[in-house]
PDB file of N, CA and C in Angstrom:
ATOM      1  N   MET A   1      13.435  16.306 -23.459  1.00  0.00           N
ATOM      2  CA  MET A   1      13.856  14.946 -23.237  1.00  0.00           C
ATOM      3  C   MET A   1      13.699  14.553 -21.768  1.00  0.00           C
ATOM      4  N   MET A   2      14.013  15.434 -20.873  1.00  0.00           N
ATOM      5  CA  MET A   2      13.921  15.123 -19.447  1.00  0.00           C
ATOM      6  C   MET A   2      12.479  14.866 -19.033  1.00  0.00           C
ATOM      7  N   LYS A   3      11.538  15.609 -19.577  1.00  0.00           N
ATOM      8  CA  LYS A   3      10.138  15.422 -19.241  1.00  0.00           C
ATOM      9  C   LYS A   3       9.668  14.047 -19.707  1.00  0.00           C
ATOM     10  N   PHE A   4      10.071  13.633 -20.881  1.00  0.00           N
ATOM     11  CA  PHE A   4       9.718  12.322 -21.410  1.00  0.00           C
ATOM     12  C   PHE A   4      10.263  11.212 -20.503  1.00  0.00           C
ATOM     13  N   PHE A   5      11.494  11.322 -20.079  1.00  0.00           N
ATOM     14  CA  PHE A   5      12.134  10.328 -19.227  1.00  0.00           C
ATOM     15  C   PHE A   5      11.453  10.251 -17.859  1.00  0.00           C
ATOM     16  N   SER A   6      11.031  11.370 -17.307  1.00  0.00           N
ATOM     17  CA  SER A   6      10.425  11.389 -15.974  1.00  0.00           C
ATOM     18  C   SER A   6       9.091  10.664 -15.935  1.00  0.00           C
ATOM     19  N   LYS A   7       8.411  10.540 -17.068  1.00  0.00           N
ATOM     20  CA  LYS A   7       7.152   9.794 -17.099  1.00  0.00           C
ATOM     21  C   LYS A   7       7.366   8.341 -16.720  1.00  0.00           C
ATOM     22  N   PHE A   8       8.495   7.791 -17.105  1.00  0.00           N
ATOM     23  CA  PHE A   8       8.752   6.382 -16.856  1.00  0.00           C
ATOM     24  C   PHE A   8       9.401   6.130 -15.505  1.00  0.00           C
ATOM     25  N   THR A   9      10.062   7.099 -14.954  1.00  0.00           N
ATOM     26  CA  THR A   9      10.739   6.894 -13.682  1.00  0.00           C
ATOM     27  C   THR A   9       9.898   7.335 -12.495  1.00  0.00           C
ATOM     28  N   SER A  10       8.859   8.100 -12.705  1.00  0.00           N
ATOM     29  CA  SER A  10       8.092   8.635 -11.593  1.00  0.00           C
ATOM     30  C   SER A  10       7.215   7.588 -10.916  1.00  0.00           C
ATOM     31  N   LYS A  11       7.015   6.413 -11.500  1.00  0.00           N
ATOM     32  CA  LYS A  11       6.167   5.398 -10.911  1.00  0.00           C
ATOM     33  C   LYS A  11       6.856   4.642  -9.786  1.00  0.00           C
ATOM     34  N   LYS A  12       8.159   4.689  -9.707  1.00  0.00           N
ATOM     35  CA  LYS A  12       8.884   3.992  -8.650  1.00  0.00           C
ATOM     36  C   LYS A  12       8.971   4.877  -7.416  1.00  0.00           C
ATOM     37  N   ALA A  13       8.874   4.237  -6.252  1.00  0.00           N
ATOM     38  CA  ALA A  13       8.994   4.970  -5.004  1.00  0.00           C
ATOM     39  C   ALA A  13      10.443   5.408  -4.815  1.00  0.00           C
ATOM     40  N   LEU A  14      10.652   6.681  -4.614  1.00  0.00           N
ATOM     41  CA  LEU A  14      11.995   7.197  -4.411  1.00  0.00           C
ATOM     42  C   LEU A  14      12.418   7.095  -2.958  1.00  0.00           C
ATOM     43  N   ASP A  15      11.473   7.086  -2.052  1.00  0.00           N
ATOM     44  CA  ASP A  15      11.739   6.994  -0.630  1.00  0.00           C
ATOM     45  C   ASP A  15      11.914   5.525  -0.254  1.00  0.00           C
ATOM     46  N   PRO A  16      13.032   5.153   0.351  1.00  0.00           N
ATOM     47  CA  PRO A  16      13.238   3.741   0.696  1.00  0.00           C
ATOM     48  C   PRO A  16      12.277   3.232   1.768  1.00  0.00           C
ATOM     49  N   ASP A  17      11.613   4.123   2.484  1.00  0.00           N
ATOM     50  CA  ASP A  17      10.656   3.720   3.511  1.00  0.00           C
ATOM     51  C   ASP A  17       9.257   3.511   2.948  1.00  0.00           C
ATOM     52  N   VAL A  18       9.073   3.645   1.627  1.00  0.00           N
ATOM     53  CA  VAL A  18       7.764   3.479   0.995  1.00  0.00           C
ATOM     54  C   VAL A  18       7.733   2.137   0.272  1.00  0.00           C
ATOM     55  N   THR A  19       6.689   1.354   0.561  1.00  0.00           N
ATOM     56  CA  THR A  19       6.520   0.052  -0.075  1.00  0.00           C
ATOM     57  C   THR A  19       5.102  -0.043  -0.611  1.00  0.00           C
ATOM     58  N   VAL A  20       4.962  -0.622  -1.792  1.00  0.00           N
ATOM     59  CA  VAL A  20       3.646  -0.808  -2.399  1.00  0.00           C
ATOM     60  C   VAL A  20       3.315  -2.297  -2.356  1.00  0.00           C
ATOM     61  N   TYR A  21       2.139  -2.605  -1.805  1.00  0.00           N
ATOM     62  CA  TYR A  21       1.671  -3.984  -1.679  1.00  0.00           C
ATOM     63  C   TYR A  21       0.434  -4.192  -2.547  1.00  0.00           C
ATOM     64  N   ARG A  22       0.207  -5.428  -2.948  1.00  0.00           N
ATOM     65  CA  ARG A  22      -0.997  -5.795  -3.690  1.00  0.00           C
ATOM     66  C   ARG A  22      -2.031  -6.298  -2.676  1.00  0.00           C
ATOM     67  N   VAL A  23      -3.222  -5.678  -2.691  1.00  0.00           N
ATOM     68  CA  VAL A  23      -4.329  -6.082  -1.824  1.00  0.00           C
ATOM     69  C   VAL A  23      -5.558  -6.265  -2.708  1.00  0.00           C
ATOM     70  N   GLU A  24      -6.140  -7.445  -2.672  1.00  0.00           N
ATOM     71  CA  GLU A  24      -7.312  -7.718  -3.495  1.00  0.00           C
ATOM     72  C   GLU A  24      -8.578  -7.680  -2.654  1.00  0.00           C
ATOM     73  N   ASP A  25      -9.696  -7.663  -3.323  1.00  0.00           N
ATOM     74  CA  ASP A  25     -11.035  -7.647  -2.729  1.00  0.00           C
ATOM     75  C   ASP A  25     -11.491  -6.260  -2.282  1.00  0.00           C
ATOM     76  N   MET A  26     -10.729  -5.217  -2.593  1.00  0.00           N
ATOM     77  CA  MET A  26     -11.201  -3.854  -2.325  1.00  0.00           C
ATOM     78  C   MET A  26     -12.047  -3.442  -3.523  1.00  0.00           C
ATOM     79  N   HIS A  27     -13.260  -2.947  -3.254  1.00  0.00           N
ATOM     80  CA  HIS A  27     -14.169  -2.622  -4.356  1.00  0.00           C
ATOM     81  C   HIS A  27     -14.563  -1.152  -4.429  1.00  0.00           C
ATOM     82  N   CYS A  28     -14.369  -0.400  -3.338  1.00  0.00           N
ATOM     83  CA  CYS A  28     -14.838   0.988  -3.328  1.00  0.00           C
ATOM     84  C   CYS A  28     -14.020   1.803  -2.328  1.00  0.00           C
ATOM     85  N   SER A  29     -14.394   3.057  -2.194  1.00  0.00           N
ATOM     86  CA  SER A  29     -13.680   3.950  -1.278  1.00  0.00           C
ATOM     87  C   SER A  29     -13.849   3.535   0.181  1.00  0.00           C
ATOM     88  N   HIS A  30     -14.953   2.885   0.506  1.00  0.00           N
ATOM     89  CA  HIS A  30     -15.148   2.402   1.879  1.00  0.00           C
ATOM     90  C   HIS A  30     -14.155   1.284   2.194  1.00  0.00           C
ATOM     91  N   CYS A  31     -13.899   0.443   1.219  1.00  0.00           N
ATOM     92  CA  CYS A  31     -12.897  -0.617   1.380  1.00  0.00           C
ATOM     93  C   CYS A  31     -11.505  -0.016   1.565  1.00  0.00           C
ATOM     94  N   GLU A  32     -11.178   0.975   0.743  1.00  0.00           N
ATOM     95  CA  GLU A  32      -9.889   1.652   0.860  1.00  0.00           C
ATOM     96  C   GLU A  32      -9.713   2.230   2.257  1.00  0.00           C
ATOM     97  N   ALA A  33     -10.742   2.898   2.754  1.00  0.00           N
ATOM     98  CA  ALA A  33     -10.672   3.526   4.074  1.00  0.00           C
ATOM     99  C   ALA A  33     -10.494   2.484   5.174  1.00  0.00           C
ATOM    100  N   ALA A  34     -11.170   1.356   5.061  1.00  0.00           N
ATOM    101  CA  ALA A  34     -11.052   0.301   6.068  1.00  0.00           C
ATOM    102  C   ALA A  34      -9.630  -0.256   6.112  1.00  0.00           C
ATOM    103  N   VAL A  35      -9.041  -0.479   4.952  1.00  0.00           N
ATOM    104  CA  VAL A  35      -7.671  -1.003   4.881  1.00  0.00           C
ATOM    105  C   VAL A  35      -6.690   0.019   5.455  1.00  0.00           C
ATOM    106  N   VAL A  36      -6.854   1.270   5.085  1.00  0.00           N
ATOM    107  CA  VAL A  36      -5.958   2.322   5.594  1.00  0.00           C
ATOM    108  C   VAL A  36      -6.066   2.433   7.112  1.00  0.00           C
ATOM    109  N   ARG A  37      -7.285   2.423   7.645  1.00  0.00           N
ATOM    110  CA  ARG A  37      -7.459   2.497   9.110  1.00  0.00           C
ATOM    111  C   ARG A  37      -6.769   1.330   9.812  1.00  0.00           C
ATOM    112  N   ALA A  38      -6.934   0.139   9.271  1.00  0.00           N
ATOM    113  CA  ALA A  38      -6.326  -1.038   9.890  1.00  0.00           C
ATOM    114  C   ALA A  38      -4.803  -0.964   9.862  1.00  0.00           C
ATOM    115  N   VAL A  39      -4.248  -0.532   8.745  1.00  0.00           N
ATOM    116  CA  VAL A  39      -2.792  -0.499   8.594  1.00  0.00           C
ATOM    117  C   VAL A  39      -2.175   0.656   9.378  1.00  0.00           C
ATOM    118  N   GLU A  40      -2.848   1.790   9.456  1.00  0.00           N
ATOM    119  CA  GLU A  40      -2.276   2.922  10.190  1.00  0.00           C
ATOM    120  C   GLU A  40      -2.215   2.670  11.697  1.00  0.00           C
ATOM    121  N   ASP A  41      -2.945   1.663  12.182  1.00  0.00           N
ATOM    122  CA  ASP A  41      -2.861   1.283  13.594  1.00  0.00           C
ATOM    123  C   ASP A  41      -1.645   0.405  13.891  1.00  0.00           C
ATOM    124  N   VAL A  42      -0.955  -0.056  12.870  1.00  0.00           N
ATOM    125  CA  VAL A  42       0.214  -0.918  13.026  1.00  0.00           C
ATOM    126  C   VAL A  42       1.408  -0.071  13.458  1.00  0.00           C
ATOM    127  N   PRO A  43       2.116  -0.488  14.523  1.00  0.00           N
ATOM    128  CA  PRO A  43       3.311   0.249  14.934  1.00  0.00           C
ATOM    129  C   PRO A  43       4.346   0.263  13.807  1.00  0.00           C
ATOM    130  N   GLY A  44       4.918   1.408  13.557  1.00  0.00           N
ATOM    131  CA  GLY A  44       5.927   1.562  12.516  1.00  0.00           C
ATOM    132  C   GLY A  44       5.386   2.125  11.215  1.00  0.00           C
ATOM    133  N   VAL A  45       4.062   2.225  11.081  1.00  0.00           N
ATOM    134  CA  VAL A  45       3.469   2.785   9.866  1.00  0.00           C
ATOM    135  C   VAL A  45       3.258   4.280  10.084  1.00  0.00           C
ATOM    136  N   GLU A  46       3.878   5.079   9.241  1.00  0.00           N
ATOM    137  CA  GLU A  46       3.724   6.535   9.326  1.00  0.00           C
ATOM    138  C   GLU A  46       2.510   7.011   8.540  1.00  0.00           C
ATOM    139  N   ASN A  47       2.313   6.417   7.354  1.00  0.00           N
ATOM    140  CA  ASN A  47       1.247   6.857   6.464  1.00  0.00           C
ATOM    141  C   ASN A  47       0.874   5.692   5.558  1.00  0.00           C
ATOM    142  N   ALA A  48      -0.404   5.625   5.183  1.00  0.00           N
ATOM    143  CA  ALA A  48      -0.852   4.580   4.272  1.00  0.00           C
ATOM    144  C   ALA A  48      -1.888   5.157   3.316  1.00  0.00           C
ATOM    145  N   LYS A  49      -1.917   4.597   2.101  1.00  0.00           N
ATOM    146  CA  LYS A  49      -2.886   5.015   1.096  1.00  0.00           C
ATOM    147  C   LYS A  49      -3.267   3.786   0.293  1.00  0.00           C
ATOM    148  N   ALA A  50      -4.565   3.593   0.075  1.00  0.00           N
ATOM    149  CA  ALA A  50      -5.041   2.431  -0.677  1.00  0.00           C
ATOM    150  C   ALA A  50      -5.744   2.881  -1.949  1.00  0.00           C
ATOM    151  N   SER A  51      -5.691   2.021  -2.961  1.00  0.00           N
ATOM    152  CA  SER A  51      -6.383   2.272  -4.218  1.00  0.00           C
ATOM    153  C   SER A  51      -7.123   1.007  -4.621  1.00  0.00           C
ATOM    154  N   ALA A  52      -8.452   1.068  -4.598  1.00  0.00           N
ATOM    155  CA  ALA A  52      -9.256  -0.088  -4.987  1.00  0.00           C
ATOM    156  C   ALA A  52      -9.125  -0.363  -6.480  1.00  0.00           C
ATOM    157  N   SER A  53      -9.033   0.668  -7.283  1.00  0.00           N
ATOM    158  CA  SER A  53      -8.947   0.469  -8.732  1.00  0.00           C
ATOM    159  C   SER A  53      -7.631  -0.191  -9.150  1.00  0.00           C
ATOM    160  N   ALA A  54      -6.568   0.065  -8.421  1.00  0.00           N
ATOM    161  CA  ALA A  54      -5.264  -0.526  -8.732  1.00  0.00           C
ATOM    162  C   ALA A  54      -4.943  -1.728  -7.846  1.00  0.00           C
ATOM    163  N   ASN A  55      -5.801  -1.993  -6.864  1.00  0.00           N
ATOM    164  CA  ASN A  55      -5.570  -3.077  -5.890  1.00  0.00           C
ATOM    165  C   ASN A  55      -4.236  -2.929  -5.186  1.00  0.00           C
ATOM    166  N   THR A  56      -3.904  -1.701  -4.781  1.00  0.00           N
ATOM    167  CA  THR A  56      -2.631  -1.469  -4.118  1.00  0.00           C
ATOM    168  C   THR A  56      -2.805  -0.776  -2.775  1.00  0.00           C
ATOM    169  N   LEU A  57      -1.803  -0.973  -1.941  1.00  0.00           N
ATOM    170  CA  LEU A  57      -1.693  -0.313  -0.650  1.00  0.00           C
ATOM    171  C   LEU A  57      -0.277   0.227  -0.579  1.00  0.00           C
ATOM    172  N   THR A  58      -0.141   1.535  -0.440  1.00  0.00           N
ATOM    173  CA  THR A  58       1.164   2.174  -0.338  1.00  0.00           C
ATOM    174  C   THR A  58       1.395   2.538   1.117  1.00  0.00           C
ATOM    175  N   VAL A  59       2.499   2.054   1.672  1.00  0.00           N
ATOM    176  CA  VAL A  59       2.777   2.242   3.095  1.00  0.00           C
ATOM    177  C   VAL A  59       4.128   2.906   3.253  1.00  0.00           C
ATOM    178  N   LYS A  60       4.162   3.945   4.090  1.00  0.00           N
ATOM    179  CA  LYS A  60       5.422   4.597   4.450  1.00  0.00           C
ATOM    180  C   LYS A  60       5.695   4.276   5.908  1.00  0.00           C
ATOM    181  N   GLY A  61       6.886   3.804   6.171  1.00  0.00           N
ATOM    182  CA  GLY A  61       7.259   3.485   7.543  1.00  0.00           C
ATOM    183  C   GLY A  61       8.159   2.275   7.617  1.00  0.00           C
ATOM    184  N   SER A  62       8.375   1.804   8.831  1.00  0.00           N
ATOM    185  CA  SER A  62       9.314   0.707   9.051  1.00  0.00           C
ATOM    186  C   SER A  62       8.625  -0.596   9.448  1.00  0.00           C
ATOM    187  N   ALA A  63       7.322  -0.666   9.346  1.00  0.00           N
ATOM    188  CA  ALA A  63       6.600  -1.892   9.713  1.00  0.00           C
ATOM    189  C   ALA A  63       6.968  -3.023   8.760  1.00  0.00           C
ATOM    190  N   THR A  64       6.989  -4.243   9.274  1.00  0.00           N
ATOM    191  CA  THR A  64       7.340  -5.389   8.444  1.00  0.00           C
ATOM    192  C   THR A  64       6.141  -5.865   7.627  1.00  0.00           C
ATOM    193  N   GLU A  65       6.436  -6.607   6.582  1.00  0.00           N
ATOM    194  CA  GLU A  65       5.379  -7.130   5.719  1.00  0.00           C
ATOM    195  C   GLU A  65       4.440  -8.051   6.497  1.00  0.00           C
ATOM    196  N   ASP A  66       4.972  -8.805   7.448  1.00  0.00           N
ATOM    197  CA  ASP A  66       4.152  -9.746   8.210  1.00  0.00           C
ATOM    198  C   ASP A  66       3.079  -9.047   9.043  1.00  0.00           C
ATOM    199  N   VAL A  67       3.417  -7.931   9.677  1.00  0.00           N
ATOM    200  CA  VAL A  67       2.413  -7.246  10.496  1.00  0.00           C
ATOM    201  C   VAL A  67       1.398  -6.518   9.627  1.00  0.00           C
ATOM    202  N   ILE A  68       1.824  -6.036   8.470  1.00  0.00           N
ATOM    203  CA  ILE A  68       0.886  -5.404   7.544  1.00  0.00           C
ATOM    204  C   ILE A  68      -0.056  -6.460   6.974  1.00  0.00           C
ATOM    205  N   ARG A  69       0.482  -7.625   6.643  1.00  0.00           N
ATOM    206  CA  ARG A  69      -0.338  -8.738   6.164  1.00  0.00           C
ATOM    207  C   ARG A  69      -1.402  -9.114   7.211  1.00  0.00           C
ATOM    208  N   ALA A  70      -0.989  -9.214   8.462  1.00  0.00           N
ATOM    209  CA  ALA A  70      -1.917  -9.580   9.530  1.00  0.00           C
ATOM    210  C   ALA A  70      -3.029  -8.545   9.673  1.00  0.00           C
ATOM    211  N   ALA A  71      -2.697  -7.261   9.557  1.00  0.00           N
ATOM    212  CA  ALA A  71      -3.708  -6.201   9.678  1.00  0.00           C
ATOM    213  C   ALA A  71      -4.703  -6.256   8.526  1.00  0.00           C
ATOM    214  N   VAL A  72      -4.211  -6.461   7.320  1.00  0.00           N
ATOM    215  CA  VAL A  72      -5.068  -6.497   6.127  1.00  0.00           C
ATOM    216  C   VAL A  72      -5.951  -7.742   6.139  1.00  0.00           C
ATOM    217  N   GLU A  73      -5.348  -8.886   6.381  1.00  0.00           N
ATOM    218  CA  GLU A  73      -6.124 -10.128   6.385  1.00  0.00           C
ATOM    219  C   GLU A  73      -7.050 -10.212   7.585  1.00  0.00           C
ATOM    220  N   GLY A  74      -6.701  -9.523   8.661  1.00  0.00           N
ATOM    221  CA  GLY A  74      -7.537  -9.505   9.859  1.00  0.00           C
ATOM    222  C   GLY A  74      -8.888  -8.837   9.647  1.00  0.00           C
ATOM    223  N   ILE A  75      -8.991  -7.995   8.629  1.00  0.00           N
ATOM    224  CA  ILE A  75     -10.279  -7.350   8.342  1.00  0.00           C
ATOM    225  C   ILE A  75     -10.927  -7.923   7.077  1.00  0.00           C
ATOM    226  N   GLY A  76     -10.378  -9.038   6.581  1.00  0.00           N
ATOM    227  CA  GLY A  76     -11.041  -9.763   5.509  1.00  0.00           C
ATOM    228  C   GLY A  76     -10.613  -9.507   4.081  1.00  0.00           C
ATOM    229  N   TYR A  77      -9.482  -8.864   3.870  1.00  0.00           N
ATOM    230  CA  TYR A  77      -8.999  -8.616   2.515  1.00  0.00           C
ATOM    231  C   TYR A  77      -7.848  -9.562   2.197  1.00  0.00           C
ATOM    232  N   THR A  78      -7.575  -9.781   0.927  1.00  0.00           N
ATOM    233  CA  THR A  78      -6.535 -10.701   0.490  1.00  0.00           C
ATOM    234  C   THR A  78      -5.245  -9.936   0.245  1.00  0.00           C
ATOM    235  N   PHE A  79      -4.199 -10.268   1.002  1.00  0.00           N
ATOM    236  CA  PHE A  79      -2.903  -9.630   0.902  1.00  0.00           C
ATOM    237  C   PHE A  79      -2.013 -10.478   0.009  1.00  0.00           C
ATOM    238  N   LYS A  80      -1.479  -9.896  -1.060  1.00  0.00           N
ATOM    239  CA  LYS A  80      -0.683 -10.647  -2.034  1.00  0.00           C
ATOM    240  C   LYS A  80       0.815 -10.355  -1.973  1.00  0.00           C
ATOM    241  N   GLY A  81       1.242  -9.402  -1.170  1.00  0.00           N
ATOM    242  CA  GLY A  81       2.671  -9.112  -1.051  1.00  0.00           C
ATOM    243  C   GLY A  81       3.096  -7.860  -1.787  1.00  0.00           C
ATOM    244  N   ILE A  82       4.405  -7.697  -1.893  1.00  0.00           N
ATOM    245  CA  ILE A  82       4.997  -6.491  -2.493  1.00  0.00           C
ATOM    246  C   ILE A  82       4.801  -6.501  -4.000  1.00  0.00           C
ATOM    247  N   VAL A  83       4.450  -5.337  -4.541  1.00  0.00           N
ATOM    248  CA  VAL A  83       4.328  -5.158  -5.986  1.00  0.00           C
ATOM    249  C   VAL A  83       5.726  -4.951  -6.536  1.00  0.00           C
ATOM    250  N   LYS A  84       6.067  -5.709  -7.552  1.00  0.00           N
ATOM    251  CA  LYS A  84       7.420  -5.601  -8.128  1.00  0.00           C
ATOM    252  C   LYS A  84       7.388  -4.967  -9.466  1.00  0.00           C
TER     253      LYS A  84
END
């Protein structure tokens, strides 16, 4: 029973410093790398990971949504905000 339940709860970030954002216009691994490079240069970001197939950007750290938005949009991608 516990294994069945964990399938549904494992998708949520357990760390309060982790936020998942929706980023569109990423088409390949090169796009993912460009977004990650741009976001990891933002003060307060400890780690970032992008997924073109899911159109998501996962960020760990204390950076605000506004500075992450500026970094993503500054390199030409569409930032849609926090995934709920």
